[in-house]
Amino acid sequence: MSDAKADEKSKRKSMMIRAVIYIAATHVWAGFMILLFTLGKR
């Protein structure tokens, strides 16, 4: 039982870390695209 709970906790933690990385990467990509469009308007 203890192993299953620890496994579930580690899976949830790794999923949260992956979600934070994906969200951060998406924001960086969107910021880069905005920068490109802003520079392209000049």
Protein backbone atom coordinates (compact mmCIF):
# COMPACT_ATOMS: atom_id res chain seq x y z
CA MET A 1 0.00 0.00 0.00
CA SER A 2 2.81 2.36 0.94
CA ASP A 3 4.63 1.66 -2.32
CA ALA A 4 1.51 2.39 -4.35
CA LYS A 5 0.99 5.72 -2.57
CA ALA A 6 4.65 6.71 -3.06
CA ASP A 7 4.46 5.69 -6.72
CA GLU A 8 1.30 7.76 -7.20
CA LYS A 9 2.91 10.74 -5.48
CA SER A 10 6.03 10.54 -7.66
CA LYS A 11 3.91 10.20 -10.82
CA ARG A 12 1.86 13.25 -9.84
CA LYS A 13 5.03 15.24 -9.06
CA SER A 14 6.64 14.35 -12.39
CA MET A 15 3.40 15.23 -14.21
CA MET A 16 3.31 18.65 -12.51
CA ILE A 17 6.96 19.31 -13.37
CA ARG A 18 6.29 18.35 -17.00
CA ALA A 19 3.21 20.61 -17.11
CA VAL A 20 5.20 23.56 -15.73
CA ILE A 21 7.94 22.97 -18.32
CA TYR A 22 5.40 22.76 -21.16
CA ILE A 23 3.60 25.92 -20.00
CA ALA A 24 6.89 27.83 -19.66
CA ALA A 25 8.06 26.66 -23.09
CA THR A 26 4.75 27.69 -24.65
CA HIS A 27 5.02 31.16 -23.10
CA VAL A 28 8.61 31.54 -24.33
CA TRP A 29 7.54 30.49 -27.85
CA ALA A 30 4.57 32.88 -27.81
CA GLY A 31 6.81 35.72 -26.59
CA PHE A 32 9.25 35.00 -29.41
CA MET A 33 6.44 35.07 -31.97
CA ILE A 34 5.16 38.39 -30.59
CA LEU A 35 8.71 39.74 -30.81
CA LEU A 36 8.97 38.62 -34.44
CA PHE A 37 5.66 40.25 -35.36
CA THR A 38 6.62 43.45 -33.51
CA LEU A 39 9.95 43.64 -35.30
CA GLY A 40 8.29 42.77 -38.60
CA LYS A 41 5.95 45.76 -38.36
CA ARG A 42 8.91 48.18 -38.41
